[in-house]
Amino acid sequence: MRKELMIPACLLLVTCTMTPLFAQLPAGWTSAGIGNPAVAGSVQYDKATNTWTIRGDGTGIRGTADQFHYVYKTLNGDGELATRVVSLDPPLSEWSMAGVMIRVLLIPGSPSIFMGISANTDAKGHAITMWGRETMNGAAGDESTDNVTPPYWVKVKRAGDTFAGYSSTNGKDWTERYSTSAPGMPQTVYIGYAVTSEVGGKLLTAVFDNGPMTATEPQPANGAKDALAPVLRWTPGATATAHDVYLGTTAELSPADYRGQLPSFATMYFHAPGWTPGATYYWRIDEIDADGKTVYRGDLWSFTAQALTAYLPEPADGATDASTTPTLLWLPGQIATKHHLFFGDDREAVTQGVPGVDRGEFAATTFTAGPLESMTTYYWRVDEILSDGSVRTGQVWSFMTCLPLDDFESYMDDAGSRIYEAWIDGWTNNTGSTVGNPQAPFAEQTIVHSGRQSMPMDYNNVKSPWYSEAERQWKTVQDWTLQDANTLVLYVRGAVGNTPAPLYVAAEDKAGHVGVVSHSDPALVTAGQWTQWKIPFADFTSAGVNVAAVKKLYLGVGNRSKPAPGGAGRIYLDDICVIKL
């Protein structure tokens, strides 16, 4: 997008003197709050890694007057500033922002161009964001797009009367997001890093660098399960002049695993012996700095070479918590064209491949099994069929199904079958919980551990009773001890912006005895990935609960017995079952 930007001549006479807020910045750089933010910002600069850590308050840069923290220097004539926005923490607002900026004056209403990354937490679609003001005290306009997350590269550039903003995934290949012509722009302007929380009185911490000093972007990707070509590739560190390569079959890489040093331009290593099929490899690239002495030790990466037979089954071999309606998955062996599946509850029958357990040949590496019996062990095997008709016999795998209590798959949006009608929340029990989405679909259908749905639950412990709880009551008592089951299992996922608080589970038997178990880590509710929580029955029976006659199950956030004011957030729960360990 291209526009004309006119700067009135009177603006060229305006000057402003700012006082640095932090010492030991590179020569020529200054740190200041623009628009008098309520909380003073700060900056730390690490010369060794060329990393800036900037904390900024401010109501934002999206109106007619800016309020943010600026770390800047003067720019005389043409120039640019490119950086990698490494992180924004915490995301106080969806428009909390960090990036690079050129501006005419150090006053709130100055014409400016900003190119950066926003927190993009709610509305989405504006992670890569450009904001600019064409006239003094004029309204800022934007060009924003995408749902990317840091780290991400941004750049502002001046070339004569043209000012432009760019973004990049790698700091090498740039996409122009905005360009404007500004005849009469003064020769000397300001250029630097801008950070705003957009929540007055609160600080956002942003980290900027020129790319990591260590090697990144490994190929095969870290954790890859199907590596074939015996080649390692990586993106070099920002100042690397050489690369030390380590490769072995144990995570404790030793001098014996050193494969040599490569020059700066060589970011590929060929492993002449090739990979051993099915083996897991570990590797690391240490970057040698320009001084020839400084070594930036790399991350430890791993991958698994593609096996000859089918491998890496799901459910995992020996799993004890498989669903009673599982989808069987596996990775194909090398050059397999079809997969012959044997499945049943008799190990010997599967080993022999008798007709009763023969499920047929498939092109896909997936099979829907079930419904299966709960608390039962099943066995399966996948033979790989090659293009010439030859067969590679697979190993026999096994798993045990769980006794499902609630996998949240049965809930619908019609009255009488909604998730919050089964799981009673604060609207009825007067705690701070809210189960389900505010509009259909009421069950969560995007963030799930398995299947199609999970249960979202908002917690708000800011006001009395200072804990949040959902409860489900069964019409008939539940016997959790079938087939010697001894452990309750559930999966939970939080979010980064949640307030830490204890997650707890309570079980109540038909006699009214209640046992409450709290997770040991209050930060669990802030984790943005699924976590399995296993609770031994002994934790409930020690409180007098008869786990052979359970009537109610409670899921909560906070301290149920000693409630105290806390925070708020949203968690997701899925796949509640009992298993035998």
Protein backbone atom coordinates (compact mmCIF):
# COMPACT_ATOMS: atom_id res chain seq x y z
CA MET A 1 0.00 0.00 0.00
CA ARG A 2 1.36 3.47 -0.94
CA LYS A 3 0.26 6.86 0.36
CA GLU A 4 1.36 10.50 0.33
CA LEU A 5 2.38 11.95 3.72
CA MET A 6 2.57 15.75 4.01
CA ILE A 7 4.46 17.31 6.93
CA PRO A 8 3.61 20.96 7.67
CA ALA A 9 6.73 23.14 7.70
CA CYS A 10 5.96 24.41 11.20
CA LEU A 11 6.58 20.93 12.62
CA LEU A 12 10.17 21.03 11.53
CA LEU A 13 10.88 23.66 14.16
CA VAL A 14 9.66 21.55 17.08
CA THR A 15 12.32 19.96 19.25
CA CYS A 16 12.25 17.87 22.38
CA THR A 17 14.86 16.84 24.93
CA MET A 18 14.51 13.52 26.67
CA THR A 19 16.47 11.98 29.55
CA PRO A 20 17.78 8.43 29.33
CA LEU A 21 16.12 6.05 31.78
CA PHE A 22 18.86 3.44 31.74
CA ALA A 23 22.62 3.65 31.35
CA GLN A 24 25.09 1.55 29.36
CA LEU A 25 23.24 1.74 26.07
CA PRO A 26 25.21 1.77 22.81
CA ALA A 27 26.54 5.19 21.86
CA GLY A 28 23.84 7.47 20.49
CA TRP A 29 20.88 5.57 21.93
CA THR A 30 18.37 7.07 24.39
CA SER A 31 15.49 5.55 26.38
CA ALA A 32 12.38 7.58 27.17
CA GLY A 33 8.65 7.47 27.72
CA ILE A 34 6.60 9.25 25.05
CA GLY A 35 3.36 10.81 26.26
CA ASN A 36 4.20 10.43 29.98
CA PRO A 37 3.24 6.79 30.65
CA ALA A 38 1.99 6.15 34.19
CA VAL A 39 4.82 3.70 34.90
CA ALA A 40 8.38 4.41 33.84
CA GLY A 41 9.82 1.98 31.35
CA SER A 42 13.35 0.60 31.17
CA VAL A 43 15.82 -1.02 28.83
CA GLN A 44 18.65 -3.51 29.18
CA TYR A 45 21.13 -4.16 26.39
CA ASP A 46 23.27 -7.29 26.17
CA LYS A 47 26.22 -6.50 23.93
CA ALA A 48 27.35 -10.11 23.72
CA THR A 49 24.11 -11.25 22.08
CA ASN A 50 22.92 -7.88 20.74
CA THR A 51 19.69 -8.37 22.68
CA TRP A 52 17.40 -5.58 23.90
CA THR A 53 14.98 -6.19 26.77
CA ILE A 54 12.55 -3.29 26.95
CA ARG A 55 9.72 -2.79 29.42
CA GLY A 56 7.06 -0.32 28.40
CA ASP A 57 3.77 1.05 29.72
CA GLY A 58 1.38 3.23 27.77
CA THR A 59 -2.12 3.43 26.38
CA GLY A 60 -0.93 2.72 22.86
CA ILE A 61 -0.20 4.24 19.48
CA ARG A 62 -3.56 3.73 17.78
CA GLY A 63 -5.18 7.09 18.44
CA THR A 64 -4.34 10.76 17.85
CA ALA A 65 -1.65 10.81 20.56
CA ASP A 66 0.87 8.11 21.42
CA GLN A 67 1.85 6.80 24.83
CA PHE A 68 4.60 4.19 24.85
CA HIS A 69 8.25 3.54 25.68
CA TYR A 70 10.81 4.43 23.03
CA VAL A 71 14.48 3.43 22.77
CA TYR A 72 15.82 5.49 19.90
CA LYS A 73 18.63 7.28 18.11
CA THR A 74 18.67 9.98 15.46
CA LEU A 75 18.59 9.00 11.80
CA ASN A 76 20.19 11.45 9.39
CA GLY A 77 19.09 10.74 5.84
CA ASP A 78 18.42 7.22 4.58
CA GLY A 79 18.52 4.20 6.87
CA GLU A 80 16.65 1.25 8.31
CA LEU A 81 16.19 -0.73 11.51
CA ALA A 82 15.46 -4.44 11.35
CA THR A 83 14.95 -6.64 14.38
CA ARG A 84 13.50 -9.91 15.53
CA VAL A 85 10.70 -9.54 18.08
CA VAL A 86 11.49 -12.50 20.29
CA SER A 87 8.68 -12.25 22.84
CA LEU A 88 5.92 -10.11 24.40
CA ASP A 89 5.14 -10.88 28.01
CA PRO A 90 2.57 -10.76 29.43
CA PRO A 91 -0.01 -10.17 26.67
CA LEU A 92 -2.00 -7.61 28.66
CA SER A 93 -4.17 -6.58 25.72
CA GLU A 94 -4.74 -7.92 22.24
CA TRP A 95 -3.06 -4.69 21.08
CA SER A 96 -0.05 -4.90 23.37
CA MET A 97 2.70 -4.22 20.82
CA ALA A 98 6.43 -4.22 20.25
CA GLY A 99 8.34 -3.26 17.14
CA VAL A 100 10.40 -0.61 15.36
CA MET A 101 9.42 3.00 14.67
CA ILE A 102 10.46 6.11 12.77
CA ARG A 103 8.97 9.37 14.07
CA VAL A 104 9.49 13.06 13.38
CA LEU A 105 9.22 14.36 16.94
CA LEU A 106 9.34 13.04 20.48
CA ILE A 107 5.85 14.28 21.33
CA PRO A 108 2.61 12.25 21.46
CA GLY A 109 0.99 13.54 18.27
CA SER A 110 4.03 13.33 16.00
CA PRO A 111 3.81 11.78 12.53
CA SER A 112 5.32 8.30 12.66
CA ILE A 113 5.49 4.84 11.15
CA PHE A 114 5.55 1.71 13.32
CA MET A 115 6.05 -1.88 12.20
CA GLY A 116 5.68 -4.55 14.84
CA ILE A 117 3.98 -7.53 16.40
CA SER A 118 0.83 -7.38 18.52
CA ALA A 119 -0.30 -9.85 21.15
CA ASN A 120 -3.29 -10.63 18.90
CA THR A 121 -5.01 -12.58 21.69
CA ASP A 122 -8.71 -12.07 21.00
CA ALA A 123 -9.83 -10.83 17.61
CA LYS A 124 -6.93 -12.45 15.74
CA GLY A 125 -5.85 -11.40 12.27
CA HIS A 126 -3.58 -8.52 13.30
CA ALA A 127 -0.38 -10.07 14.67
CA ILE A 128 1.78 -8.36 12.02
CA THR A 129 0.81 -4.73 12.45
CA MET A 130 1.76 -1.38 10.95
CA TRP A 131 0.53 1.92 12.43
CA GLY A 132 1.20 5.34 11.02
CA ARG A 133 0.14 8.94 11.54
CA GLU A 134 0.11 11.19 8.50
CA THR A 135 -0.44 14.57 10.13
CA MET A 136 0.34 16.18 13.45
CA ASN A 137 -2.26 14.99 16.01
CA GLY A 138 -4.06 13.10 13.27
CA ALA A 139 -5.70 9.71 13.67
CA ALA A 140 -3.37 6.75 13.28
CA GLY A 141 -4.16 4.26 10.54
CA ASP A 142 -3.07 0.67 10.24
CA GLU A 143 -2.26 -2.18 7.89
CA SER A 144 -2.49 -5.37 9.96
CA THR A 145 -2.73 -9.05 9.13
CA ASP A 146 -2.06 -12.67 10.06
CA ASN A 147 -2.03 -14.78 13.24
CA VAL A 148 1.71 -15.35 13.66
CA THR A 149 3.44 -15.45 17.03
CA PRO A 150 6.91 -14.29 18.06
CA PRO A 151 9.70 -14.71 17.26
CA TYR A 152 9.13 -12.69 14.08
CA TRP A 153 11.13 -10.12 12.11
CA VAL A 154 10.05 -6.54 11.38
CA LYS A 155 11.75 -3.57 9.72
CA VAL A 156 11.21 0.14 9.03
CA LYS A 157 13.15 1.89 6.28
CA ARG A 158 13.69 5.36 4.91
CA ALA A 159 14.89 5.92 1.34
CA GLY A 160 14.63 9.58 0.38
CA ASP A 161 11.04 10.64 0.82
CA THR A 162 9.78 7.04 1.02
CA PHE A 163 9.08 5.34 4.34
CA ALA A 164 8.14 1.65 4.47
CA GLY A 165 7.43 -1.22 6.85
CA TYR A 166 8.36 -4.85 6.27
CA SER A 167 7.97 -8.26 7.93
CA SER A 168 9.89 -11.50 7.56
CA THR A 169 9.92 -15.03 8.91
CA ASN A 170 13.69 -15.34 8.74
CA GLY A 171 15.26 -11.87 8.55
CA LYS A 172 16.33 -12.50 4.94
CA ASP A 173 13.20 -12.62 2.80
CA TRP A 174 11.13 -9.48 3.43
CA THR A 175 7.52 -8.66 2.58
CA GLU A 176 6.63 -4.97 2.21
CA ARG A 177 3.53 -4.28 4.33
CA TYR A 178 3.26 -0.52 3.85
CA SER A 179 4.94 2.31 1.96
CA THR A 180 4.28 6.04 2.02
CA SER A 181 5.76 9.10 0.32
CA ALA A 182 6.52 12.05 2.60
CA PRO A 183 7.78 15.11 0.69
CA GLY A 184 9.31 17.69 3.00
CA MET A 185 10.21 15.24 5.73
CA PRO A 186 13.15 16.64 7.73
CA GLN A 187 16.59 15.22 7.04
CA THR A 188 16.98 14.14 10.67
CA VAL A 189 14.31 12.01 12.35
CA TYR A 190 14.23 9.40 15.12
CA ILE A 191 14.40 5.62 14.70
CA GLY A 192 14.23 2.92 17.36
CA TYR A 193 12.33 0.29 19.31
CA ALA A 194 8.77 0.94 20.57
CA VAL A 195 6.90 -0.98 23.28
CA THR A 196 3.40 -0.34 24.61
CA SER A 197 1.23 -2.47 26.88
CA GLU A 198 -1.94 -0.57 25.81
CA VAL A 199 -3.05 -0.97 29.44
CA GLY A 200 -2.16 2.22 31.29
CA GLY A 201 -0.20 1.57 34.47
CA LYS A 202 1.06 -1.89 33.49
CA LEU A 203 4.35 -2.88 31.89
CA LEU A 204 4.86 -5.12 28.88
CA THR A 205 8.27 -6.75 28.51
CA ALA A 206 9.52 -7.18 24.95
CA VAL A 207 12.73 -8.81 23.84
CA PHE A 208 14.44 -7.90 20.55
CA ASP A 209 17.53 -9.31 18.89
CA ASN A 210 19.18 -9.72 15.50
CA GLY A 211 18.56 -13.41 15.47
CA PRO A 212 19.80 -16.10 17.83
CA MET A 213 23.51 -16.65 18.29
CA THR A 214 22.90 -20.40 18.29
CA ALA A 215 21.93 -22.59 15.35
CA THR A 216 18.19 -22.90 14.73
CA GLU A 217 15.62 -24.53 12.41
CA PRO A 218 17.02 -28.06 12.37
CA GLN A 219 16.27 -30.43 9.53
CA PRO A 220 15.17 -33.11 10.22
CA ALA A 221 12.92 -31.14 12.54
CA ASN A 222 13.46 -31.72 16.25
CA GLY A 223 11.40 -34.77 17.19
CA ALA A 224 10.86 -35.89 13.58
CA LYS A 225 9.86 -39.55 13.35
CA ASP A 226 10.46 -40.35 9.70
CA ALA A 227 13.94 -39.18 8.69
CA LEU A 228 15.21 -40.87 5.55
CA ALA A 229 17.98 -38.92 3.78
CA PRO A 230 21.23 -38.95 5.88
CA VAL A 231 21.58 -35.16 5.79
CA LEU A 232 21.47 -32.58 8.60
CA ARG A 233 20.66 -28.92 7.88
CA TRP A 234 20.29 -25.85 10.07
CA THR A 235 20.10 -22.05 10.09
CA PRO A 236 23.35 -20.57 11.41
CA GLY A 237 23.67 -18.23 14.38
CA ALA A 238 23.77 -14.52 13.67
CA THR A 239 27.57 -14.18 14.01
CA ALA A 240 28.74 -17.73 13.33
CA THR A 241 31.94 -18.15 11.31
CA ALA A 242 32.16 -21.93 11.77
CA HIS A 243 29.99 -24.84 12.97
CA ASP A 244 31.03 -27.76 15.18
CA VAL A 245 28.85 -30.81 14.44
CA TYR A 246 27.97 -33.45 17.05
CA LEU A 247 25.88 -36.53 16.22
CA GLY A 248 25.24 -39.71 18.22
CA THR A 249 22.65 -42.20 19.42
CA THR A 250 22.47 -41.07 23.06
CA ALA A 251 21.33 -37.76 24.51
CA GLU A 252 24.66 -37.37 26.33
CA LEU A 253 26.78 -36.34 23.35
CA SER A 254 30.49 -36.81 24.02
CA PRO A 255 33.76 -35.97 22.24
CA ALA A 256 33.41 -39.32 20.47
CA ASP A 257 30.30 -37.93 18.75
CA TYR A 258 32.18 -34.94 17.28
CA ARG A 259 31.90 -35.02 13.48
CA GLY A 260 34.14 -32.08 12.65
CA GLN A 261 34.01 -28.34 11.99
CA LEU A 262 32.39 -26.78 8.93
CA PRO A 263 32.98 -23.25 7.55
CA SER A 264 30.34 -20.54 7.92
CA PHE A 265 28.80 -21.08 4.47
CA ALA A 266 28.35 -24.83 5.02
CA THR A 267 25.11 -25.40 6.92
CA MET A 268 24.66 -29.03 5.88
CA TYR A 269 26.27 -32.23 7.12
CA PHE A 270 26.11 -35.50 5.14
CA HIS A 271 26.31 -38.66 7.26
CA ALA A 272 28.01 -41.09 4.90
CA PRO A 273 27.13 -44.31 6.83
CA GLY A 274 23.41 -43.48 6.56
CA TRP A 275 20.79 -43.89 9.26
CA THR A 276 20.00 -47.16 10.98
CA PRO A 277 16.26 -47.79 10.32
CA GLY A 278 14.17 -47.14 13.41
CA ALA A 279 17.08 -45.71 15.43
CA THR A 280 16.81 -42.42 17.31
CA TYR A 281 19.65 -39.93 16.81
CA TYR A 282 20.69 -36.88 18.80
CA TRP A 283 22.65 -33.95 17.39
CA ARG A 284 23.90 -30.48 18.17
CA ILE A 285 25.55 -27.60 16.34
CA ASP A 286 27.92 -25.38 18.32
CA GLU A 287 28.48 -22.00 16.67
CA ILE A 288 31.95 -20.42 16.63
CA ASP A 289 31.82 -16.62 16.88
CA ALA A 290 33.75 -14.16 14.75
CA ASP A 291 36.51 -13.93 17.35
CA GLY A 292 37.28 -17.61 16.78
CA LYS A 293 37.10 -18.27 20.51
CA THR A 294 33.54 -17.75 21.72
CA VAL A 295 31.40 -20.87 21.35
CA TYR A 296 27.62 -20.75 21.46
CA ARG A 297 26.57 -24.23 22.51
CA GLY A 298 23.57 -25.39 20.50
CA ASP A 299 20.31 -27.00 21.58
CA LEU A 300 20.09 -30.77 21.69
CA TRP A 301 17.90 -32.04 18.83
CA SER A 302 16.69 -35.53 18.05
CA PHE A 303 14.94 -37.48 15.31
CA THR A 304 14.04 -41.06 14.50
CA ALA A 305 15.03 -42.68 11.22
CA GLN A 306 12.21 -44.29 9.29
CA ALA A 307 11.99 -47.97 10.18
CA LEU A 308 11.64 -50.91 7.79
CA THR A 309 8.46 -52.15 9.49
CA ALA A 310 5.49 -50.22 10.86
CA TYR A 311 6.49 -48.30 14.00
CA LEU A 312 5.51 -45.72 16.65
CA PRO A 313 1.98 -47.04 17.28
CA GLU A 314 -0.81 -45.02 18.89
CA PRO A 315 -2.05 -46.00 21.42
CA ALA A 316 1.55 -46.53 22.47
CA ASP A 317 2.71 -50.08 23.04
CA GLY A 318 1.89 -50.93 26.66
CA ALA A 319 -0.49 -48.00 27.18
CA THR A 320 -2.95 -48.46 30.07
CA ASP A 321 -5.32 -45.57 29.40
CA ALA A 322 -6.55 -46.15 25.86
CA SER A 323 -10.03 -45.05 24.87
CA THR A 324 -12.74 -47.64 24.32
CA THR A 325 -13.23 -46.09 20.88
CA PRO A 326 -9.61 -45.66 19.81
CA THR A 327 -8.23 -44.69 16.45
CA LEU A 328 -5.20 -46.86 15.76
CA LEU A 329 -2.30 -44.95 14.16
CA TRP A 330 1.19 -45.94 13.08
CA LEU A 331 4.04 -44.70 10.92
CA PRO A 332 4.73 -46.66 7.76
CA GLY A 333 7.88 -48.62 7.15
CA GLN A 334 10.20 -47.69 4.30
CA ILE A 335 8.69 -48.00 0.78
CA ALA A 336 5.54 -49.72 2.08
CA THR A 337 2.56 -49.39 -0.28
CA LYS A 338 -0.09 -51.15 1.85
CA HIS A 339 -0.58 -52.17 5.48
CA HIS A 340 -2.10 -55.46 6.66
CA LEU A 341 -3.71 -55.12 10.10
CA PHE A 342 -4.39 -57.83 12.67
CA PHE A 343 -6.31 -56.83 15.81
CA GLY A 344 -7.99 -58.62 18.72
CA ASP A 345 -7.90 -59.50 22.41
CA ASP A 346 -5.87 -62.72 21.96
CA ARG A 347 -2.10 -62.25 21.68
CA GLU A 348 -1.49 -65.66 20.13
CA ALA A 349 -4.18 -65.14 17.50
CA VAL A 350 -2.63 -61.80 16.49
CA THR A 351 0.86 -63.31 16.48
CA GLN A 352 -0.29 -66.10 14.16
CA GLY A 353 -2.49 -63.79 12.06
CA VAL A 354 -5.53 -66.08 12.17
CA PRO A 355 -8.64 -65.10 10.17
CA GLY A 356 -10.59 -64.02 13.27
CA VAL A 357 -8.26 -61.07 13.89
CA ASP A 358 -7.49 -60.20 10.25
CA ARG A 359 -8.85 -56.67 9.63
CA GLY A 360 -7.67 -56.42 6.03
CA GLU A 361 -5.24 -54.38 3.94
CA PHE A 362 -5.25 -50.57 3.92
CA ALA A 363 -3.52 -47.77 2.06
CA ALA A 364 -3.97 -45.43 5.05
CA THR A 365 -2.03 -45.73 8.31
CA THR A 366 -5.11 -45.49 10.50
CA PHE A 367 -7.92 -47.76 11.66
CA THR A 368 -10.96 -47.03 13.83
CA ALA A 369 -11.44 -49.79 16.39
CA GLY A 370 -14.37 -50.12 18.70
CA PRO A 371 -16.40 -49.77 20.63
CA LEU A 372 -14.19 -51.95 22.81
CA GLU A 373 -14.63 -53.44 26.25
CA SER A 374 -13.31 -51.29 29.10
CA MET A 375 -10.36 -52.43 31.22
CA THR A 376 -9.40 -55.00 28.58
CA THR A 377 -6.05 -55.69 26.92
CA TYR A 378 -5.96 -55.71 23.11
CA TYR A 379 -3.19 -56.75 20.74
CA TRP A 380 -2.40 -55.64 17.20
CA ARG A 381 0.15 -55.97 14.44
CA VAL A 382 0.76 -54.23 11.13
CA ASP A 383 2.57 -56.04 8.31
CA GLU A 384 4.04 -53.85 5.58
CA ILE A 385 3.41 -54.84 1.97
CA LEU A 386 5.92 -53.62 -0.61
CA SER A 387 5.32 -52.86 -4.30
CA ASP A 388 6.74 -56.24 -5.33
CA GLY A 389 4.26 -58.04 -3.05
CA SER A 390 6.80 -58.98 -0.41
CA VAL A 391 5.79 -58.60 3.24
CA ARG A 392 7.65 -57.28 6.26
CA THR A 393 6.08 -58.73 9.39
CA GLY A 394 5.51 -56.22 12.17
CA GLN A 395 5.84 -56.69 15.91
CA VAL A 396 2.87 -57.33 18.18
CA TRP A 397 1.78 -54.28 20.18
CA SER A 398 -0.69 -54.10 23.06
CA PHE A 399 -2.74 -51.60 25.03
CA MET A 400 -5.32 -51.70 27.82
CA THR A 401 -8.52 -49.71 27.60
CA CYS A 402 -9.62 -47.47 30.45
CA LEU A 403 -12.96 -47.21 32.21
CA PRO A 404 -14.23 -43.91 30.77
CA LEU A 405 -16.00 -41.50 33.10
CA ASP A 406 -16.42 -38.61 30.65
CA ASP A 407 -14.72 -38.02 27.31
CA PHE A 408 -17.13 -35.11 26.56
CA GLU A 409 -18.03 -36.53 23.15
CA SER A 410 -21.74 -37.05 23.82
CA TYR A 411 -22.72 -33.44 24.52
CA MET A 412 -24.68 -31.50 21.93
CA ASP A 413 -26.13 -28.00 21.62
CA ASP A 414 -29.79 -28.95 22.03
CA ALA A 415 -31.50 -28.28 25.36
CA GLY A 416 -31.21 -31.30 27.60
CA SER A 417 -27.87 -32.45 26.17
CA ARG A 418 -25.68 -29.40 26.75
CA ILE A 419 -22.40 -29.74 28.57
CA TYR A 420 -23.29 -27.23 31.31
CA GLU A 421 -26.46 -29.17 32.07
CA ALA A 422 -24.39 -32.22 33.04
CA TRP A 423 -21.53 -30.30 34.65
CA ILE A 424 -23.13 -27.87 37.09
CA ASP A 425 -21.21 -24.59 37.38
CA GLY A 426 -21.33 -21.30 39.27
CA TRP A 427 -24.67 -20.32 37.83
CA THR A 428 -26.12 -23.02 40.12
CA ASN A 429 -23.49 -23.81 42.78
CA ASN A 430 -22.59 -20.12 43.33
CA THR A 431 -18.85 -20.57 42.79
CA GLY A 432 -16.80 -18.63 40.24
CA SER A 433 -17.00 -21.24 37.48
CA THR A 434 -18.65 -21.09 34.07
CA VAL A 435 -18.78 -24.29 32.04
CA GLY A 436 -19.05 -24.17 28.26
CA ASN A 437 -18.71 -21.53 25.61
CA PRO A 438 -21.18 -18.62 25.79
CA GLN A 439 -22.62 -19.56 22.41
CA ALA A 440 -22.98 -22.82 20.50
CA PRO A 441 -21.04 -24.99 20.18
CA PHE A 442 -21.04 -25.04 23.98
CA ALA A 443 -18.41 -27.79 24.20
CA GLU A 444 -14.94 -26.89 22.93
CA GLN A 445 -14.31 -28.32 19.46
CA THR A 446 -10.90 -26.85 18.59
CA ILE A 447 -8.76 -27.31 21.71
CA VAL A 448 -9.18 -31.03 22.39
CA HIS A 449 -6.94 -33.77 23.73
CA SER A 450 -8.60 -36.49 21.67
CA GLY A 451 -11.86 -36.97 19.84
CA ARG A 452 -13.99 -34.01 18.84
CA GLN A 453 -14.75 -32.17 22.09
CA SER A 454 -13.39 -31.08 25.45
CA MET A 455 -14.90 -29.10 28.34
CA PRO A 456 -13.99 -25.42 28.66
CA MET A 457 -14.30 -23.93 32.14
CA ASP A 458 -13.75 -20.32 33.08
CA TYR A 459 -12.70 -19.62 36.66
CA ASN A 460 -13.03 -16.31 38.48
CA ASN A 461 -11.73 -16.23 42.04
CA VAL A 462 -11.57 -12.45 42.30
CA LYS A 463 -14.72 -12.32 44.37
CA SER A 464 -16.37 -14.52 47.01
CA PRO A 465 -16.44 -17.48 47.42
CA TRP A 466 -12.90 -17.22 45.88
CA TYR A 467 -12.92 -20.68 44.30
CA SER A 468 -14.47 -22.05 41.11
CA GLU A 469 -15.96 -25.51 40.75
CA ALA A 470 -17.92 -27.68 38.32
CA GLU A 471 -19.62 -30.85 39.45
CA ARG A 472 -21.17 -33.87 37.81
CA GLN A 473 -23.58 -36.21 39.57
CA TRP A 474 -24.35 -39.67 38.18
CA LYS A 475 -27.82 -41.17 38.40
CA THR A 476 -26.30 -44.48 39.47
CA VAL A 477 -23.21 -44.88 41.60
CA GLN A 478 -19.95 -45.53 39.75
CA ASP A 479 -17.71 -48.45 40.64
CA TRP A 480 -14.18 -47.30 39.86
CA THR A 481 -12.59 -50.53 41.03
CA LEU A 482 -13.58 -52.78 38.11
CA GLN A 483 -10.76 -55.03 36.90
CA ASP A 484 -8.61 -53.78 39.79
CA ALA A 485 -8.45 -50.20 38.53
CA ASN A 486 -6.53 -48.02 40.96
CA THR A 487 -5.95 -44.60 39.40
CA LEU A 488 -8.06 -41.67 38.20
CA VAL A 489 -6.74 -39.95 35.06
CA LEU A 490 -7.69 -36.65 33.44
CA TYR A 491 -6.13 -34.25 30.97
CA VAL A 492 -6.00 -30.51 31.56
CA ARG A 493 -4.81 -27.56 29.50
CA GLY A 494 -4.54 -23.94 30.61
CA ALA A 495 -3.45 -20.72 28.92
CA VAL A 496 -0.44 -18.45 29.28
CA GLY A 497 -2.51 -15.49 30.44
CA ASN A 498 -4.25 -17.37 33.25
CA THR A 499 -3.64 -16.48 36.89
CA PRO A 500 -1.83 -19.37 38.64
CA ALA A 501 -4.06 -21.22 41.10
CA PRO A 502 -4.36 -24.79 42.43
CA LEU A 503 -6.34 -27.23 40.29
CA TYR A 504 -8.22 -29.79 42.34
CA VAL A 505 -10.40 -32.87 41.91
CA ALA A 506 -12.88 -34.08 44.51
CA ALA A 507 -14.81 -37.34 44.64
CA GLU A 508 -17.94 -37.90 46.73
CA ASP A 509 -19.40 -41.34 47.45
CA LYS A 510 -23.02 -42.27 48.04
CA ALA A 511 -22.58 -41.83 51.80
CA GLY A 512 -21.48 -38.22 51.35
CA HIS A 513 -17.78 -38.70 52.09
CA VAL A 514 -15.67 -36.26 50.07
CA GLY A 515 -11.98 -36.50 49.25
CA VAL A 516 -10.19 -33.51 47.68
CA VAL A 517 -6.86 -33.77 45.85
CA SER A 518 -5.00 -30.66 44.66
CA HIS A 519 -2.32 -30.64 42.00
CA SER A 520 1.11 -29.78 43.38
CA ASP A 521 1.82 -27.05 40.79
CA PRO A 522 -0.45 -23.94 40.71
CA ALA A 523 1.18 -23.00 37.39
CA LEU A 524 -0.48 -26.00 35.72
CA VAL A 525 -3.43 -23.79 34.75
CA THR A 526 -1.04 -21.49 32.83
CA ALA A 527 0.41 -24.28 30.67
CA GLY A 528 -0.61 -24.00 27.03
CA GLN A 529 -0.38 -27.73 26.35
CA TRP A 530 -2.24 -30.79 27.53
CA THR A 531 -0.99 -32.35 30.78
CA GLN A 532 -1.97 -35.77 32.08
CA TRP A 533 -2.76 -35.92 35.79
CA LYS A 534 -2.83 -39.32 37.48
CA ILE A 535 -4.42 -39.56 40.94
CA PRO A 536 -4.09 -42.80 42.94
CA PHE A 537 -7.33 -43.98 44.51
CA ALA A 538 -5.52 -43.95 47.85
CA ASP A 539 -5.65 -40.15 47.79
CA PHE A 540 -9.44 -40.41 47.95
CA THR A 541 -9.83 -43.47 50.17
CA SER A 542 -7.60 -41.86 52.80
CA ALA A 543 -10.40 -39.31 53.25
CA GLY A 544 -12.98 -42.08 53.69
CA VAL A 545 -14.30 -42.15 50.12
CA ASN A 546 -15.62 -45.48 48.85
CA VAL A 547 -14.34 -45.48 45.26
CA ALA A 548 -16.59 -48.46 44.49
CA ALA A 549 -19.63 -46.23 45.01
CA VAL A 550 -18.84 -42.76 43.66
CA LYS A 551 -21.81 -40.42 43.24
CA LYS A 552 -20.21 -37.05 42.33
CA LEU A 553 -17.05 -35.73 40.76
CA TYR A 554 -15.87 -32.14 41.25
CA LEU A 555 -13.31 -30.22 39.16
CA GLY A 556 -12.17 -26.89 40.55
CA VAL A 557 -9.62 -24.09 40.65
CA GLY A 558 -8.65 -22.43 43.92
CA ASN A 559 -8.49 -23.58 47.53
CA ARG A 560 -11.77 -25.30 48.37
CA SER A 561 -11.13 -25.64 52.11
CA LYS A 562 -9.38 -22.29 52.71
CA PRO A 563 -10.59 -19.97 49.94
CA ALA A 564 -8.80 -16.67 49.41
CA PRO A 565 -9.07 -13.94 46.74
CA GLY A 566 -7.29 -14.92 43.53
CA GLY A 567 -7.36 -14.38 39.78
CA ALA A 568 -9.19 -15.63 36.73
CA GLY A 569 -8.70 -17.61 33.54
CA ARG A 570 -9.91 -20.50 31.39
CA ILE A 571 -8.93 -24.16 31.44
CA TYR A 572 -9.89 -27.14 29.28
CA LEU A 573 -10.54 -30.69 30.55
CA ASP A 574 -10.76 -33.92 28.60
CA ASP A 575 -10.66 -37.73 28.76
CA ILE A 576 -11.52 -38.41 32.39
CA CYS A 577 -11.19 -42.11 33.13
CA VAL A 578 -9.90 -44.70 35.57
CA ILE A 579 -7.07 -47.11 34.79
CA LYS A 580 -5.00 -49.89 36.29
CA LEU A 581 -1.32 -49.16 36.86
